[in-house]
Amino acid sequence: MPPDHPDDAPSADRRTFMALLATLGLSFTGGKAMASAPRAHITPNAFRLQPHDWVPNNPRLPVLHYKGVIDPNVTDPAAAFEDLLTQNGWTPRWRWGVYTFHHFHSTAHEVLGIARGSATLTIGGPGGKEVNVEAGDLLVLPAGTGHKNEKSDEDFLVVGAYPPDQDFDLQREALPADAVARMDRLPFPESDPVSGPDGPLTALWRYS
């Protein structure tokens, strides 16, 4: 049974303690460990996007939208996302929001973990699909997927993560054919960011 408080675990720092709780399906809030969402059983809403306007999107790899990945009432939901993503082979890189203009990344797949607040995002470029996200949700955007923040709460906070060894660029116009070809060959982790190696991403993301 995990200790009642991080200070009761002298051999581990806070991040290690939080990671331990994550492996047990627990999160830490208000001085008590409490059960988090049953991550292994979350089925994402998956949808593919065809090229649209100047945005290439990714016709082969679907966008994945998971609901209720973490309990947004934990003391530090951003840290909870970072611990979960690290555990499952995705590298957290920043805490911020989502740009209020259409853009995409051609050199990295992207995870957006919604730590606080809510927002309406347009996914797929101008005239694309509107997706409402709220604290606890997680989006996986394959490289090339357009996205834009249409509106959000003042406290909207996102954790951004990427596969190891991938650096993201920022694209706001059409790519040349050779860049699209490189993007289409971009590797991705053999691990779902929410559920690990046996999660939905490993079944839904296939290049073959």
N, C-alpha and C. Protein backbone atom coordinates (compact mmCIF):
# COMPACT_ATOMS: atom_id res chain seq x y z
N MET A 1 0.86 -1.19 0.00
CA MET A 1 0.00 0.00 0.00
C MET A 1 0.89 1.23 0.00
N PRO A 2 0.61 2.23 -0.87
CA PRO A 2 1.48 3.41 -0.94
C PRO A 2 1.36 4.25 0.31
N PRO A 3 2.39 5.00 0.68
CA PRO A 3 2.33 5.87 1.85
C PRO A 3 1.28 6.94 1.66
N ASP A 4 0.81 7.55 2.79
CA ASP A 4 -0.26 8.54 2.72
C ASP A 4 0.22 9.89 2.23
N HIS A 5 1.50 10.11 2.18
CA HIS A 5 2.04 11.42 1.79
C HIS A 5 3.42 11.21 1.21
N PRO A 6 3.81 12.02 0.20
CA PRO A 6 5.15 11.85 -0.40
C PRO A 6 6.27 11.93 0.62
N ASP A 7 6.08 12.74 1.68
CA ASP A 7 7.14 12.87 2.67
C ASP A 7 7.37 11.57 3.42
N ASP A 8 6.40 10.63 3.35
CA ASP A 8 6.56 9.35 4.01
C ASP A 8 7.38 8.37 3.19
N ALA A 9 7.81 8.79 1.99
CA ALA A 9 8.60 7.92 1.12
C ALA A 9 9.99 8.51 0.97
N PRO A 10 10.87 8.38 1.97
CA PRO A 10 12.17 9.06 1.98
C PRO A 10 13.08 8.61 0.86
N SER A 11 12.84 7.44 0.26
CA SER A 11 13.75 6.96 -0.77
C SER A 11 13.36 7.41 -2.16
N ALA A 12 12.29 8.20 -2.30
CA ALA A 12 11.83 8.63 -3.62
C ALA A 12 11.46 10.09 -3.57
N ASP A 13 11.79 10.82 -4.64
CA ASP A 13 11.35 12.20 -4.73
C ASP A 13 9.90 12.24 -5.19
N ARG A 14 9.35 13.45 -5.29
CA ARG A 14 7.92 13.56 -5.60
C ARG A 14 7.57 12.91 -6.93
N ARG A 15 8.39 13.15 -7.97
CA ARG A 15 8.07 12.62 -9.29
C ARG A 15 8.08 11.07 -9.27
N THR A 16 9.05 10.50 -8.57
CA THR A 16 9.10 9.04 -8.48
C THR A 16 7.86 8.51 -7.75
N PHE A 17 7.48 9.23 -6.68
CA PHE A 17 6.29 8.82 -5.93
C PHE A 17 5.04 8.87 -6.81
N MET A 18 4.90 9.96 -7.61
CA MET A 18 3.73 10.08 -8.48
C MET A 18 3.73 8.98 -9.53
N ALA A 19 4.92 8.65 -10.05
CA ALA A 19 4.99 7.59 -11.05
C ALA A 19 4.57 6.25 -10.44
N LEU A 20 4.97 6.02 -9.16
CA LEU A 20 4.57 4.80 -8.48
C LEU A 20 3.06 4.73 -8.36
N LEU A 21 2.43 5.84 -7.97
CA LEU A 21 0.98 5.85 -7.86
C LEU A 21 0.33 5.58 -9.21
N ALA A 22 0.91 6.13 -10.28
CA ALA A 22 0.34 5.91 -11.61
C ALA A 22 0.34 4.44 -11.97
N THR A 23 1.41 3.75 -11.62
CA THR A 23 1.47 2.32 -11.95
C THR A 23 0.45 1.53 -11.17
N LEU A 24 0.00 2.08 -10.01
CA LEU A 24 -0.99 1.40 -9.19
C LEU A 24 -2.41 1.86 -9.51
N GLY A 25 -2.54 2.74 -10.52
CA GLY A 25 -3.86 3.27 -10.86
C GLY A 25 -4.35 4.29 -9.86
N LEU A 26 -3.42 4.99 -9.16
CA LEU A 26 -3.78 5.97 -8.16
C LEU A 26 -3.22 7.33 -8.56
N SER A 27 -3.79 8.38 -7.96
CA SER A 27 -3.24 9.72 -8.10
C SER A 27 -3.24 10.36 -6.72
N PHE A 28 -2.54 11.49 -6.59
CA PHE A 28 -2.35 12.11 -5.28
C PHE A 28 -3.02 13.46 -5.26
N THR A 29 -3.88 13.70 -4.26
CA THR A 29 -4.54 15.00 -4.15
C THR A 29 -4.97 15.22 -2.71
N GLY A 30 -4.83 16.46 -2.26
CA GLY A 30 -5.32 16.83 -0.94
C GLY A 30 -4.76 15.99 0.19
N GLY A 31 -3.50 15.48 0.04
CA GLY A 31 -2.89 14.70 1.09
C GLY A 31 -3.31 13.25 1.09
N LYS A 32 -4.12 12.83 0.12
CA LYS A 32 -4.58 11.44 0.08
C LYS A 32 -4.41 10.90 -1.32
N ALA A 33 -4.11 9.60 -1.41
CA ALA A 33 -4.10 8.93 -2.70
C ALA A 33 -5.52 8.57 -3.05
N MET A 34 -5.92 8.82 -4.31
CA MET A 34 -7.27 8.49 -4.71
C MET A 34 -7.23 7.83 -6.08
N ALA A 35 -8.20 6.99 -6.35
CA ALA A 35 -8.23 6.26 -7.61
C ALA A 35 -8.40 7.22 -8.77
N SER A 36 -7.65 7.00 -9.85
CA SER A 36 -7.80 7.78 -11.07
C SER A 36 -8.65 7.00 -12.05
N ALA A 37 -8.85 7.56 -13.25
CA ALA A 37 -9.65 6.88 -14.26
C ALA A 37 -8.99 5.55 -14.63
N PRO A 38 -9.79 4.54 -14.99
CA PRO A 38 -9.22 3.24 -15.40
C PRO A 38 -8.61 3.34 -16.79
N ARG A 39 -7.36 3.82 -16.83
CA ARG A 39 -6.76 4.19 -18.11
C ARG A 39 -6.71 3.03 -19.10
N ALA A 40 -6.49 1.83 -18.60
CA ALA A 40 -6.33 0.70 -19.51
C ALA A 40 -7.60 0.42 -20.30
N HIS A 41 -8.74 0.96 -19.83
CA HIS A 41 -10.00 0.65 -20.48
C HIS A 41 -10.57 1.83 -21.27
N ILE A 42 -9.79 2.90 -21.44
CA ILE A 42 -10.28 4.05 -22.19
C ILE A 42 -10.13 3.78 -23.69
N THR A 43 -11.24 3.85 -24.39
CA THR A 43 -11.22 3.71 -25.85
C THR A 43 -11.31 5.09 -26.47
N PRO A 44 -10.35 5.50 -27.28
CA PRO A 44 -10.39 6.85 -27.84
C PRO A 44 -11.37 6.96 -28.99
N ASN A 45 -11.85 8.17 -29.20
CA ASN A 45 -12.55 8.49 -30.44
C ASN A 45 -11.48 8.67 -31.50
N ALA A 46 -11.53 7.86 -32.56
CA ALA A 46 -10.49 7.89 -33.60
C ALA A 46 -11.09 8.33 -34.93
N PHE A 47 -10.42 9.25 -35.60
CA PHE A 47 -10.90 9.68 -36.91
C PHE A 47 -9.72 10.07 -37.80
N ARG A 48 -9.82 9.72 -39.07
CA ARG A 48 -8.79 10.06 -40.06
C ARG A 48 -9.18 11.33 -40.80
N LEU A 49 -8.15 12.06 -41.22
CA LEU A 49 -8.36 13.31 -41.94
C LEU A 49 -7.62 13.28 -43.26
N GLN A 50 -8.30 13.59 -44.33
CA GLN A 50 -7.69 13.70 -45.64
C GLN A 50 -7.01 15.06 -45.78
N PRO A 51 -6.05 15.18 -46.72
CA PRO A 51 -5.46 16.50 -46.97
C PRO A 51 -6.55 17.54 -47.25
N HIS A 52 -6.37 18.72 -46.72
CA HIS A 52 -7.40 19.76 -46.86
C HIS A 52 -6.74 21.12 -47.00
N ASP A 53 -7.08 21.82 -48.09
CA ASP A 53 -6.50 23.13 -48.32
C ASP A 53 -4.97 22.98 -48.34
N TRP A 54 -4.22 23.75 -47.55
CA TRP A 54 -2.76 23.65 -47.53
C TRP A 54 -2.25 22.71 -46.45
N VAL A 55 -3.17 22.11 -45.70
CA VAL A 55 -2.80 21.24 -44.57
C VAL A 55 -2.76 19.78 -45.03
N PRO A 56 -1.63 19.09 -44.87
CA PRO A 56 -1.54 17.71 -45.37
C PRO A 56 -2.35 16.71 -44.55
N ASN A 57 -2.54 16.99 -43.23
CA ASN A 57 -3.14 16.01 -42.33
C ASN A 57 -2.40 14.68 -42.45
N ASN A 58 -3.05 13.59 -42.08
CA ASN A 58 -2.37 12.29 -42.17
C ASN A 58 -3.42 11.22 -42.46
N PRO A 59 -3.66 10.92 -43.73
CA PRO A 59 -4.75 10.01 -44.09
C PRO A 59 -4.60 8.59 -43.56
N ARG A 60 -3.39 8.20 -43.19
CA ARG A 60 -3.18 6.81 -42.75
C ARG A 60 -3.24 6.63 -41.24
N LEU A 61 -2.86 7.65 -40.48
CA LEU A 61 -2.83 7.55 -39.02
C LEU A 61 -3.96 8.41 -38.44
N PRO A 62 -4.87 7.81 -37.68
CA PRO A 62 -5.99 8.59 -37.15
C PRO A 62 -5.60 9.48 -35.97
N VAL A 63 -6.32 10.58 -35.84
CA VAL A 63 -6.30 11.38 -34.61
C VAL A 63 -6.99 10.55 -33.53
N LEU A 64 -6.47 10.60 -32.31
CA LEU A 64 -7.04 9.86 -31.18
C LEU A 64 -7.41 10.85 -30.08
N HIS A 65 -8.67 10.79 -29.62
CA HIS A 65 -9.14 11.67 -28.55
C HIS A 65 -9.61 10.81 -27.39
N TYR A 66 -8.84 10.84 -26.29
CA TYR A 66 -9.16 10.09 -25.08
C TYR A 66 -9.85 11.02 -24.07
N LYS A 67 -10.91 10.55 -23.45
CA LYS A 67 -11.61 11.31 -22.43
C LYS A 67 -11.26 10.77 -21.04
N GLY A 68 -11.09 11.69 -20.09
CA GLY A 68 -10.90 11.30 -18.70
C GLY A 68 -9.66 10.49 -18.42
N VAL A 69 -8.54 10.89 -19.00
CA VAL A 69 -7.29 10.14 -18.81
C VAL A 69 -6.78 10.28 -17.38
N ILE A 70 -6.83 11.49 -16.84
CA ILE A 70 -6.42 11.69 -15.45
C ILE A 70 -7.53 12.43 -14.71
N ASP A 71 -7.48 12.37 -13.40
CA ASP A 71 -8.39 13.13 -12.56
C ASP A 71 -7.90 14.58 -12.52
N PRO A 72 -8.67 15.54 -13.07
CA PRO A 72 -8.18 16.92 -13.10
C PRO A 72 -8.10 17.57 -11.73
N ASN A 73 -8.61 16.89 -10.68
CA ASN A 73 -8.57 17.46 -9.33
C ASN A 73 -7.31 17.09 -8.55
N VAL A 74 -6.39 16.35 -9.18
CA VAL A 74 -5.14 16.08 -8.48
C VAL A 74 -4.38 17.38 -8.26
N THR A 75 -3.44 17.34 -7.32
CA THR A 75 -2.73 18.57 -6.95
C THR A 75 -2.04 19.22 -8.14
N ASP A 76 -1.40 18.43 -8.97
CA ASP A 76 -0.68 18.96 -10.14
C ASP A 76 -1.02 18.09 -11.35
N PRO A 77 -2.11 18.38 -12.06
CA PRO A 77 -2.50 17.54 -13.20
C PRO A 77 -1.47 17.54 -14.32
N ALA A 78 -0.76 18.64 -14.50
CA ALA A 78 0.28 18.66 -15.53
C ALA A 78 1.37 17.65 -15.22
N ALA A 79 1.79 17.58 -13.96
CA ALA A 79 2.80 16.60 -13.56
C ALA A 79 2.27 15.18 -13.71
N ALA A 80 0.99 14.98 -13.41
CA ALA A 80 0.40 13.65 -13.58
C ALA A 80 0.46 13.22 -15.04
N PHE A 81 0.16 14.15 -15.96
CA PHE A 81 0.28 13.85 -17.38
C PHE A 81 1.73 13.54 -17.75
N GLU A 82 2.66 14.35 -17.26
CA GLU A 82 4.07 14.14 -17.59
C GLU A 82 4.55 12.78 -17.12
N ASP A 83 4.14 12.38 -15.93
CA ASP A 83 4.55 11.08 -15.40
C ASP A 83 3.98 9.95 -16.26
N LEU A 84 2.70 10.05 -16.60
CA LEU A 84 2.05 9.01 -17.40
C LEU A 84 2.69 8.89 -18.78
N LEU A 85 2.92 10.02 -19.42
CA LEU A 85 3.50 10.02 -20.77
C LEU A 85 4.92 9.48 -20.76
N THR A 86 5.71 9.89 -19.78
CA THR A 86 7.08 9.39 -19.67
C THR A 86 7.08 7.87 -19.48
N GLN A 87 6.21 7.40 -18.61
CA GLN A 87 6.10 5.97 -18.36
C GLN A 87 5.77 5.20 -19.63
N ASN A 88 5.02 5.82 -20.54
CA ASN A 88 4.56 5.13 -21.75
C ASN A 88 5.34 5.51 -23.01
N GLY A 89 6.53 6.08 -22.84
CA GLY A 89 7.43 6.25 -23.97
C GLY A 89 7.25 7.50 -24.79
N TRP A 90 6.53 8.50 -24.27
CA TRP A 90 6.40 9.79 -24.95
C TRP A 90 7.08 10.84 -24.08
N THR A 91 7.80 11.77 -24.70
CA THR A 91 8.63 12.72 -23.95
C THR A 91 7.91 14.05 -23.77
N PRO A 92 7.55 14.43 -22.54
CA PRO A 92 6.96 15.76 -22.31
C PRO A 92 7.99 16.84 -22.61
N ARG A 93 7.53 17.90 -23.31
CA ARG A 93 8.46 18.96 -23.72
C ARG A 93 8.04 20.34 -23.24
N TRP A 94 6.77 20.56 -23.01
CA TRP A 94 6.34 21.91 -22.63
C TRP A 94 4.99 21.89 -21.92
N ARG A 95 4.73 23.00 -21.20
CA ARG A 95 3.41 23.30 -20.64
C ARG A 95 3.01 24.67 -21.18
N TRP A 96 1.89 24.73 -21.85
CA TRP A 96 1.44 26.02 -22.42
C TRP A 96 0.01 25.87 -22.86
N GLY A 97 -0.32 26.38 -24.07
CA GLY A 97 -1.65 26.27 -24.63
C GLY A 97 -1.57 25.75 -26.06
N VAL A 98 -2.50 26.19 -26.91
CA VAL A 98 -2.49 25.85 -28.33
C VAL A 98 -2.61 27.15 -29.11
N TYR A 99 -1.79 27.31 -30.13
CA TYR A 99 -1.81 28.54 -30.93
C TYR A 99 -3.20 28.83 -31.48
N THR A 100 -3.52 30.12 -31.59
CA THR A 100 -4.82 30.55 -32.10
C THR A 100 -4.79 30.78 -33.62
N PHE A 101 -3.90 30.08 -34.30
CA PHE A 101 -3.87 30.08 -35.76
C PHE A 101 -3.68 28.65 -36.24
N HIS A 102 -4.11 28.38 -37.46
CA HIS A 102 -3.96 27.04 -38.02
C HIS A 102 -2.48 26.74 -38.25
N HIS A 103 -2.06 25.55 -37.85
CA HIS A 103 -0.66 25.14 -38.04
C HIS A 103 -0.60 23.63 -37.94
N PHE A 104 0.55 23.08 -38.28
CA PHE A 104 0.80 21.65 -38.10
C PHE A 104 2.29 21.43 -37.92
N HIS A 105 2.65 20.21 -37.54
CA HIS A 105 4.04 19.82 -37.36
C HIS A 105 4.36 18.71 -38.35
N SER A 106 5.45 18.85 -39.07
CA SER A 106 5.80 17.86 -40.08
C SER A 106 6.92 16.93 -39.63
N THR A 107 7.57 17.25 -38.51
CA THR A 107 8.74 16.48 -38.07
C THR A 107 8.50 15.72 -36.77
N ALA A 108 7.27 15.72 -36.28
CA ALA A 108 6.99 15.02 -35.02
C ALA A 108 5.49 14.76 -34.89
N HIS A 109 5.16 13.60 -34.33
CA HIS A 109 3.81 13.35 -33.86
C HIS A 109 3.66 14.06 -32.50
N GLU A 110 2.44 14.42 -32.14
CA GLU A 110 2.26 15.25 -30.94
C GLU A 110 1.14 14.72 -30.06
N VAL A 111 1.39 14.75 -28.76
CA VAL A 111 0.36 14.50 -27.75
C VAL A 111 0.04 15.82 -27.06
N LEU A 112 -1.25 16.08 -26.87
CA LEU A 112 -1.71 17.24 -26.10
C LEU A 112 -2.51 16.72 -24.92
N GLY A 113 -1.96 16.86 -23.71
CA GLY A 113 -2.66 16.47 -22.49
C GLY A 113 -3.29 17.71 -21.86
N ILE A 114 -4.62 17.71 -21.73
CA ILE A 114 -5.32 18.90 -21.22
C ILE A 114 -5.30 18.85 -19.70
N ALA A 115 -4.43 19.67 -19.11
CA ALA A 115 -4.24 19.65 -17.66
C ALA A 115 -5.27 20.51 -16.94
N ARG A 116 -5.63 21.64 -17.52
CA ARG A 116 -6.61 22.53 -16.88
C ARG A 116 -7.47 23.20 -17.94
N GLY A 117 -8.68 23.58 -17.54
CA GLY A 117 -9.56 24.35 -18.41
C GLY A 117 -10.19 23.52 -19.51
N SER A 118 -10.74 24.24 -20.49
CA SER A 118 -11.38 23.59 -21.63
C SER A 118 -11.18 24.48 -22.85
N ALA A 119 -11.40 23.90 -24.04
CA ALA A 119 -11.19 24.64 -25.27
C ALA A 119 -11.96 23.98 -26.40
N THR A 120 -12.20 24.77 -27.44
CA THR A 120 -12.69 24.25 -28.71
C THR A 120 -11.55 24.36 -29.71
N LEU A 121 -11.11 23.23 -30.23
CA LEU A 121 -10.02 23.19 -31.19
C LEU A 121 -10.57 22.81 -32.56
N THR A 122 -10.03 23.42 -33.60
CA THR A 122 -10.31 22.97 -34.96
C THR A 122 -9.17 22.07 -35.39
N ILE A 123 -9.52 20.84 -35.73
CA ILE A 123 -8.54 19.84 -36.12
C ILE A 123 -8.69 19.56 -37.61
N GLY A 124 -7.58 19.69 -38.36
CA GLY A 124 -7.62 19.39 -39.79
C GLY A 124 -7.43 20.58 -40.70
N GLY A 125 -7.19 21.78 -40.14
CA GLY A 125 -6.99 22.96 -40.98
C GLY A 125 -8.26 23.77 -41.13
N PRO A 126 -8.21 24.86 -41.92
CA PRO A 126 -9.38 25.72 -42.10
C PRO A 126 -10.61 24.92 -42.54
N GLY A 127 -11.72 25.13 -41.83
CA GLY A 127 -12.93 24.39 -42.15
C GLY A 127 -12.91 22.95 -41.66
N GLY A 128 -11.98 22.63 -40.76
CA GLY A 128 -11.85 21.25 -40.28
C GLY A 128 -12.87 20.89 -39.21
N LYS A 129 -12.57 19.85 -38.46
CA LYS A 129 -13.47 19.28 -37.45
C LYS A 129 -13.28 19.99 -36.12
N GLU A 130 -14.36 20.49 -35.53
CA GLU A 130 -14.27 21.10 -34.21
C GLU A 130 -14.32 20.02 -33.14
N VAL A 131 -13.40 20.10 -32.20
CA VAL A 131 -13.30 19.12 -31.13
C VAL A 131 -13.26 19.88 -29.81
N ASN A 132 -14.16 19.53 -28.90
CA ASN A 132 -14.17 20.14 -27.57
C ASN A 132 -13.34 19.27 -26.63
N VAL A 133 -12.40 19.91 -25.93
CA VAL A 133 -11.55 19.21 -24.97
C VAL A 133 -11.69 19.85 -23.61
N GLU A 134 -11.49 19.06 -22.57
CA GLU A 134 -11.57 19.56 -21.20
C GLU A 134 -10.50 18.89 -20.36
N ALA A 135 -10.31 19.43 -19.16
CA ALA A 135 -9.27 18.92 -18.27
C ALA A 135 -9.41 17.42 -18.09
N GLY A 136 -8.29 16.71 -18.24
CA GLY A 136 -8.26 15.25 -18.15
C GLY A 136 -8.22 14.57 -19.49
N ASP A 137 -8.56 15.28 -20.58
CA ASP A 137 -8.55 14.70 -21.93
C ASP A 137 -7.13 14.64 -22.47
N LEU A 138 -6.96 13.82 -23.50
CA LEU A 138 -5.67 13.73 -24.21
C LEU A 138 -5.93 13.53 -25.69
N LEU A 139 -5.21 14.28 -26.52
CA LEU A 139 -5.27 14.15 -27.97
C LEU A 139 -3.94 13.65 -28.50
N VAL A 140 -3.99 12.74 -29.45
CA VAL A 140 -2.79 12.33 -30.19
C VAL A 140 -2.97 12.80 -31.62
N LEU A 141 -2.06 13.66 -32.07
CA LEU A 141 -2.12 14.23 -33.42
C LEU A 141 -0.97 13.67 -34.25
N PRO A 142 -1.26 12.85 -35.26
CA PRO A 142 -0.18 12.40 -36.13
C PRO A 142 0.43 13.57 -36.88
N ALA A 143 1.69 13.45 -37.24
CA ALA A 143 2.38 14.52 -37.97
C ALA A 143 1.55 14.95 -39.18
N GLY A 144 1.49 16.26 -39.40
CA GLY A 144 0.74 16.80 -40.52
C GLY A 144 -0.65 17.25 -40.17
N THR A 145 -1.13 16.92 -38.97
CA THR A 145 -2.51 17.25 -38.58
C THR A 145 -2.63 18.72 -38.20
N GLY A 146 -3.47 19.44 -38.90
CA GLY A 146 -3.71 20.84 -38.58
C GLY A 146 -4.45 20.99 -37.27
N HIS A 147 -4.14 22.04 -36.52
CA HIS A 147 -4.88 22.32 -35.29
C HIS A 147 -4.79 23.81 -34.96
N LYS A 148 -5.86 24.27 -34.29
CA LYS A 148 -5.98 25.69 -33.94
C LYS A 148 -6.90 25.81 -32.72
N ASN A 149 -6.54 26.71 -31.82
CA ASN A 149 -7.39 27.02 -30.67
C ASN A 149 -8.41 28.08 -31.10
N GLU A 150 -9.68 27.69 -31.14
CA GLU A 150 -10.75 28.63 -31.49
C GLU A 150 -11.17 29.46 -30.29
N LYS A 151 -11.27 28.84 -29.14
CA LYS A 151 -11.60 29.54 -27.89
C LYS A 151 -11.23 28.64 -26.73
N SER A 152 -10.86 29.26 -25.61
CA SER A 152 -10.46 28.47 -24.45
C SER A 152 -10.62 29.30 -23.19
N ASP A 153 -10.68 28.59 -22.04
CA ASP A 153 -10.71 29.25 -20.74
C ASP A 153 -9.39 29.97 -20.48
N GLU A 154 -9.44 30.93 -19.56
CA GLU A 154 -8.22 31.65 -19.21
C GLU A 154 -7.17 30.75 -18.59
N ASP A 155 -7.61 29.71 -17.89
CA ASP A 155 -6.65 28.83 -17.22
C ASP A 155 -6.31 27.60 -18.05
N PHE A 156 -6.64 27.62 -19.34
CA PHE A 156 -6.35 26.48 -20.22
C PHE A 156 -4.86 26.17 -20.21
N LEU A 157 -4.52 24.93 -19.86
CA LEU A 157 -3.12 24.52 -19.78
C LEU A 157 -2.97 23.14 -20.41
N VAL A 158 -1.97 23.01 -21.27
CA VAL A 158 -1.73 21.79 -22.03
C VAL A 158 -0.31 21.31 -21.78
N VAL A 159 -0.14 20.00 -21.68
CA VAL A 159 1.18 19.38 -21.68
C VAL A 159 1.43 18.82 -23.08
N GLY A 160 2.51 19.25 -23.72
CA GLY A 160 2.86 18.75 -25.05
C GLY A 160 3.96 17.71 -24.95
N ALA A 161 3.79 16.61 -25.68
CA ALA A 161 4.78 15.53 -25.65
C ALA A 161 4.96 14.95 -27.04
N TYR A 162 6.13 14.32 -27.25
CA TYR A 162 6.52 13.83 -28.58
C TYR A 162 7.27 12.50 -28.44
N PRO A 163 7.36 11.75 -29.51
CA PRO A 163 8.19 10.55 -29.46
C PRO A 163 9.64 10.91 -29.18
N PRO A 164 10.39 10.00 -28.58
CA PRO A 164 11.81 10.27 -28.33
C PRO A 164 12.55 10.62 -29.63
N ASP A 165 13.46 11.58 -29.54
CA ASP A 165 14.32 11.96 -30.67
C ASP A 165 13.58 12.66 -31.80
N GLN A 166 12.36 13.12 -31.55
CA GLN A 166 11.66 13.92 -32.57
C GLN A 166 11.51 15.35 -32.08
N ASP A 167 11.95 16.30 -32.91
CA ASP A 167 11.80 17.72 -32.62
C ASP A 167 10.70 18.28 -33.53
N PHE A 168 9.80 19.05 -32.94
CA PHE A 168 8.67 19.57 -33.70
C PHE A 168 9.04 20.88 -34.40
N ASP A 169 8.51 21.03 -35.60
CA ASP A 169 8.61 22.30 -36.31
C ASP A 169 7.26 23.00 -36.24
N LEU A 170 7.13 24.13 -36.90
CA LEU A 170 5.87 24.87 -36.96
C LEU A 170 5.61 25.27 -38.40
N GLN A 171 4.58 24.70 -38.99
CA GLN A 171 4.27 24.94 -40.40
C GLN A 171 2.94 25.66 -40.54
N ARG A 172 2.92 26.70 -41.40
CA ARG A 172 1.70 27.47 -41.63
C ARG A 172 1.39 27.62 -43.12
N GLU A 173 2.03 26.77 -43.92
CA GLU A 173 1.77 26.78 -45.36
C GLU A 173 2.06 25.39 -45.91
N ALA A 174 1.69 25.17 -47.17
CA ALA A 174 1.84 23.84 -47.78
C ALA A 174 3.30 23.42 -47.82
N LEU A 175 3.52 22.11 -47.69
CA LEU A 175 4.87 21.54 -47.77
C LEU A 175 5.19 21.13 -49.19
N PRO A 176 6.47 21.19 -49.59
CA PRO A 176 6.87 20.58 -50.86
C PRO A 176 6.74 19.07 -50.80
N ALA A 177 6.70 18.44 -51.96
CA ALA A 177 6.45 17.00 -52.03
C ALA A 177 7.48 16.19 -51.26
N ASP A 178 8.76 16.59 -51.30
CA ASP A 178 9.78 15.81 -50.61
C ASP A 178 9.60 15.87 -49.10
N ALA A 179 9.14 17.01 -48.58
CA ALA A 179 8.90 17.12 -47.14
C ALA A 179 7.71 16.27 -46.72
N VAL A 180 6.69 16.22 -47.55
CA VAL A 180 5.54 15.35 -47.27
C VAL A 180 5.97 13.89 -47.25
N ALA A 181 6.84 13.51 -48.17
CA ALA A 181 7.33 12.13 -48.22
C ALA A 181 8.10 11.78 -46.95
N ARG A 182 8.94 12.71 -46.47
CA ARG A 182 9.68 12.46 -45.22
C ARG A 182 8.72 12.34 -44.04
N MET A 183 7.72 13.21 -44.02
CA MET A 183 6.73 13.16 -42.95
C MET A 183 6.00 11.82 -42.94
N ASP A 184 5.69 11.31 -44.12
CA ASP A 184 4.95 10.04 -44.21
C ASP A 184 5.77 8.85 -43.73
N ARG A 185 7.09 9.00 -43.63
CA ARG A 185 7.94 7.90 -43.15
C ARG A 185 8.34 8.07 -41.69
N LEU A 186 7.80 9.06 -41.03
CA LEU A 186 8.20 9.36 -39.66
C LEU A 186 7.81 8.21 -38.72
N PRO A 187 8.76 7.69 -37.94
CA PRO A 187 8.42 6.59 -37.02
C PRO A 187 7.63 7.10 -35.82
N PHE A 188 7.07 6.17 -35.08
CA PHE A 188 6.33 6.53 -33.88
C PHE A 188 6.53 5.43 -32.84
N PRO A 189 6.35 5.75 -31.54
CA PRO A 189 6.58 4.75 -30.50
C PRO A 189 5.61 3.58 -30.62
N GLU A 190 6.08 2.40 -30.27
CA GLU A 190 5.21 1.23 -30.22
C GLU A 190 4.54 1.17 -28.85
N SER A 191 3.99 2.31 -28.45
CA SER A 191 3.37 2.39 -27.13
C SER A 191 2.28 3.45 -27.16
N ASP A 192 1.14 3.11 -26.63
CA ASP A 192 0.04 4.07 -26.49
C ASP A 192 0.38 5.04 -25.35
N PRO A 193 0.16 6.36 -25.52
CA PRO A 193 0.56 7.29 -24.46
C PRO A 193 -0.26 7.16 -23.19
N VAL A 194 -1.43 6.52 -23.27
CA VAL A 194 -2.29 6.35 -22.11
C VAL A 194 -2.15 4.97 -21.48
N SER A 195 -2.15 3.92 -22.32
CA SER A 195 -2.22 2.54 -21.81
C SER A 195 -0.97 1.72 -22.05
N GLY A 196 0.05 2.26 -22.71
CA GLY A 196 1.28 1.53 -22.91
C GLY A 196 1.27 0.62 -24.13
N PRO A 197 2.14 -0.38 -24.17
CA PRO A 197 2.35 -1.20 -25.37
C PRO A 197 1.10 -1.92 -25.87
N ASP A 198 0.16 -2.20 -24.98
CA ASP A 198 -1.04 -2.93 -25.41
C ASP A 198 -2.23 -2.01 -25.64
N GLY A 199 -1.98 -0.70 -25.70
CA GLY A 199 -3.08 0.26 -25.84
C GLY A 199 -3.57 0.41 -27.27
N PRO A 200 -4.62 1.21 -27.46
CA PRO A 200 -5.26 1.36 -28.78
C PRO A 200 -4.35 1.87 -29.88
N LEU A 201 -3.40 2.76 -29.56
CA LEU A 201 -2.56 3.33 -30.62
C LEU A 201 -1.82 2.25 -31.39
N THR A 202 -1.34 1.23 -30.69
CA THR A 202 -0.54 0.20 -31.36
C THR A 202 -1.37 -0.60 -32.35
N ALA A 203 -2.69 -0.62 -32.17
CA ALA A 203 -3.56 -1.32 -33.13
C ALA A 203 -4.05 -0.38 -34.22
N LEU A 204 -4.22 0.90 -33.89
CA LEU A 204 -4.84 1.85 -34.83
C LEU A 204 -3.81 2.55 -35.72
N TRP A 205 -2.58 2.68 -35.24
CA TRP A 205 -1.55 3.36 -36.04
C TRP A 205 -0.71 2.31 -36.77
N ARG A 206 -0.92 2.20 -38.05
CA ARG A 206 -0.18 1.26 -38.90
C ARG A 206 0.14 1.95 -40.22
N TYR A 207 1.37 1.79 -40.69
CA TYR A 207 1.74 2.31 -42.00
C TYR A 207 1.45 1.29 -43.10
N SER A 208 1.32 0.03 -42.76
CA SER A 208 1.09 -1.01 -43.77
C SER A 208 -0.37 -1.05 -44.19
